[in-house]
Amino acid sequence: MPYLQALSAGVLVGLLYALLKVRSPAPPPIALFGLLGMLAGQTLLGALL
């Protein structure tokens, strides 16, 4: 369920950005590395706790 909520929120924000003609604040490769870092941090923290 959390994955579906996160995907829904991302799609909603993407649609809002498109409607307002706002560009993403980060270039796509940088944004993807940021998401990868978040996932790695969450996985590492989960393994330690």
N, C-alpha and C. Protein backbone atom coordinates (compact mmCIF):
# COMPACT_ATOMS: atom_id res chain seq x y z
N MET A 1 0.81 -1.21 0.00
CA MET A 1 0.00 0.00 0.00
C MET A 1 0.85 1.28 0.00
N PRO A 2 1.95 1.34 0.79
CA PRO A 2 2.77 2.56 0.76
C PRO A 2 3.35 2.84 -0.63
N TYR A 3 3.68 1.77 -1.38
CA TYR A 3 4.23 1.97 -2.72
C TYR A 3 3.20 2.60 -3.64
N LEU A 4 1.97 2.17 -3.53
CA LEU A 4 0.89 2.72 -4.34
C LEU A 4 0.64 4.19 -3.98
N GLN A 5 0.69 4.49 -2.69
CA GLN A 5 0.51 5.88 -2.25
C GLN A 5 1.64 6.76 -2.77
N ALA A 6 2.87 6.27 -2.70
CA ALA A 6 4.01 7.05 -3.18
C ALA A 6 3.92 7.27 -4.69
N LEU A 7 3.54 6.22 -5.42
CA LEU A 7 3.40 6.35 -6.87
C LEU A 7 2.28 7.33 -7.21
N SER A 8 1.17 7.25 -6.50
CA SER A 8 0.05 8.16 -6.74
C SER A 8 0.45 9.60 -6.47
N ALA A 9 1.18 9.82 -5.37
CA ALA A 9 1.63 11.18 -5.05
C ALA A 9 2.57 11.70 -6.13
N GLY A 10 3.46 10.85 -6.61
CA GLY A 10 4.39 11.26 -7.67
C GLY A 10 3.68 11.62 -8.95
N VAL A 11 2.69 10.82 -9.31
CA VAL A 11 1.92 11.10 -10.53
C VAL A 11 1.14 12.40 -10.36
N LEU A 12 0.56 12.60 -9.20
CA LEU A 12 -0.21 13.83 -8.94
C LEU A 12 0.68 15.06 -9.04
N VAL A 13 1.86 15.00 -8.45
CA VAL A 13 2.79 16.13 -8.51
C VAL A 13 3.26 16.34 -9.95
N GLY A 14 3.53 15.25 -10.66
CA GLY A 14 3.94 15.37 -12.06
C GLY A 14 2.87 16.04 -12.91
N LEU A 15 1.62 15.67 -12.69
CA LEU A 15 0.52 16.30 -13.43
C LEU A 15 0.40 17.78 -13.08
N LEU A 16 0.55 18.09 -11.79
CA LEU A 16 0.48 19.48 -11.35
C LEU A 16 1.61 20.30 -11.98
N TYR A 17 2.83 19.73 -12.01
CA TYR A 17 3.96 20.42 -12.65
C TYR A 17 3.66 20.65 -14.13
N ALA A 18 3.08 19.65 -14.79
CA ALA A 18 2.79 19.79 -16.22
C ALA A 18 1.73 20.86 -16.45
N LEU A 19 0.69 20.89 -15.62
CA LEU A 19 -0.38 21.87 -15.78
C LEU A 19 0.13 23.29 -15.55
N LEU A 20 1.02 23.45 -14.57
CA LEU A 20 1.56 24.77 -14.26
C LEU A 20 2.78 25.12 -15.11
N LYS A 21 3.20 24.16 -15.96
CA LYS A 21 4.37 24.34 -16.82
C LYS A 21 5.62 24.70 -16.01
N VAL A 22 5.80 23.96 -14.91
CA VAL A 22 6.96 24.13 -14.04
C VAL A 22 7.94 23.02 -14.35
N ARG A 23 9.20 23.37 -14.47
CA ARG A 23 10.22 22.34 -14.69
C ARG A 23 10.64 21.77 -13.35
N SER A 24 11.03 20.52 -13.37
CA SER A 24 11.53 19.88 -12.16
C SER A 24 12.75 20.64 -11.64
N PRO A 25 12.85 20.83 -10.33
CA PRO A 25 13.97 21.61 -9.80
C PRO A 25 15.33 20.93 -9.97
N ALA A 26 15.34 19.64 -10.24
CA ALA A 26 16.61 18.92 -10.42
C ALA A 26 16.62 18.24 -11.78
N PRO A 27 17.76 18.23 -12.45
CA PRO A 27 17.85 17.48 -13.70
C PRO A 27 17.57 15.99 -13.44
N PRO A 28 16.94 15.30 -14.37
CA PRO A 28 16.55 13.89 -14.14
C PRO A 28 17.65 12.98 -13.58
N PRO A 29 18.89 13.01 -14.10
CA PRO A 29 19.90 12.11 -13.52
C PRO A 29 20.18 12.41 -12.04
N ILE A 30 20.22 13.68 -11.69
CA ILE A 30 20.48 14.05 -10.30
C ILE A 30 19.32 13.61 -9.42
N ALA A 31 18.10 13.79 -9.91
CA ALA A 31 16.93 13.36 -9.14
C ALA A 31 16.94 11.86 -8.93
N LEU A 32 17.32 11.10 -9.94
CA LEU A 32 17.36 9.65 -9.80
C LEU A 32 18.42 9.21 -8.81
N PHE A 33 19.57 9.87 -8.81
CA PHE A 33 20.60 9.53 -7.83
C PHE A 33 20.13 9.89 -6.42
N GLY A 34 19.39 10.97 -6.29
CA GLY A 34 18.83 11.33 -4.98
C GLY A 34 17.86 10.28 -4.49
N LEU A 35 17.00 9.80 -5.38
CA LEU A 35 16.06 8.75 -4.99
C LEU A 35 16.79 7.47 -4.63
N LEU A 36 17.84 7.14 -5.37
CA LEU A 36 18.64 5.96 -5.08
C LEU A 36 19.28 6.09 -3.70
N GLY A 37 19.79 7.26 -3.39
CA GLY A 37 20.38 7.50 -2.07
C GLY A 37 19.36 7.36 -0.95
N MET A 38 18.15 7.87 -1.19
CA MET A 38 17.10 7.74 -0.18
C MET A 38 16.76 6.27 0.06
N LEU A 39 16.64 5.51 -1.02
CA LEU A 39 16.33 4.09 -0.90
C LEU A 39 17.45 3.34 -0.19
N ALA A 40 18.69 3.65 -0.53
CA ALA A 40 19.83 2.99 0.11
C ALA A 40 19.88 3.32 1.60
N GLY A 41 19.65 4.57 1.93
CA GLY A 41 19.65 4.98 3.35
C GLY A 41 18.54 4.30 4.13
N GLN A 42 17.37 4.21 3.53
CA GLN A 42 16.24 3.56 4.21
C GLN A 42 16.53 2.08 4.41
N THR A 43 17.11 1.43 3.41
CA THR A 43 17.44 0.00 3.50
C THR A 43 18.51 -0.22 4.55
N LEU A 44 19.53 0.63 4.56
CA LEU A 44 20.62 0.50 5.53
C LEU A 44 20.10 0.69 6.95
N LEU A 45 19.29 1.70 7.15
CA LEU A 45 18.74 1.97 8.48
C LEU A 45 17.86 0.81 8.93
N GLY A 46 17.06 0.27 8.01
CA GLY A 46 16.22 -0.87 8.35
C GLY A 46 17.02 -2.10 8.74
N ALA A 47 18.18 -2.29 8.11
CA ALA A 47 19.04 -3.43 8.43
C ALA A 47 19.71 -3.26 9.79
N LEU A 48 20.00 -2.02 10.16
CA LEU A 48 20.67 -1.76 11.44
C LEU A 48 19.72 -1.82 12.62
N LEU A 49 18.46 -1.56 12.38
CA LEU A 49 17.50 -1.54 13.50
C LEU A 49 16.80 -2.82 13.69
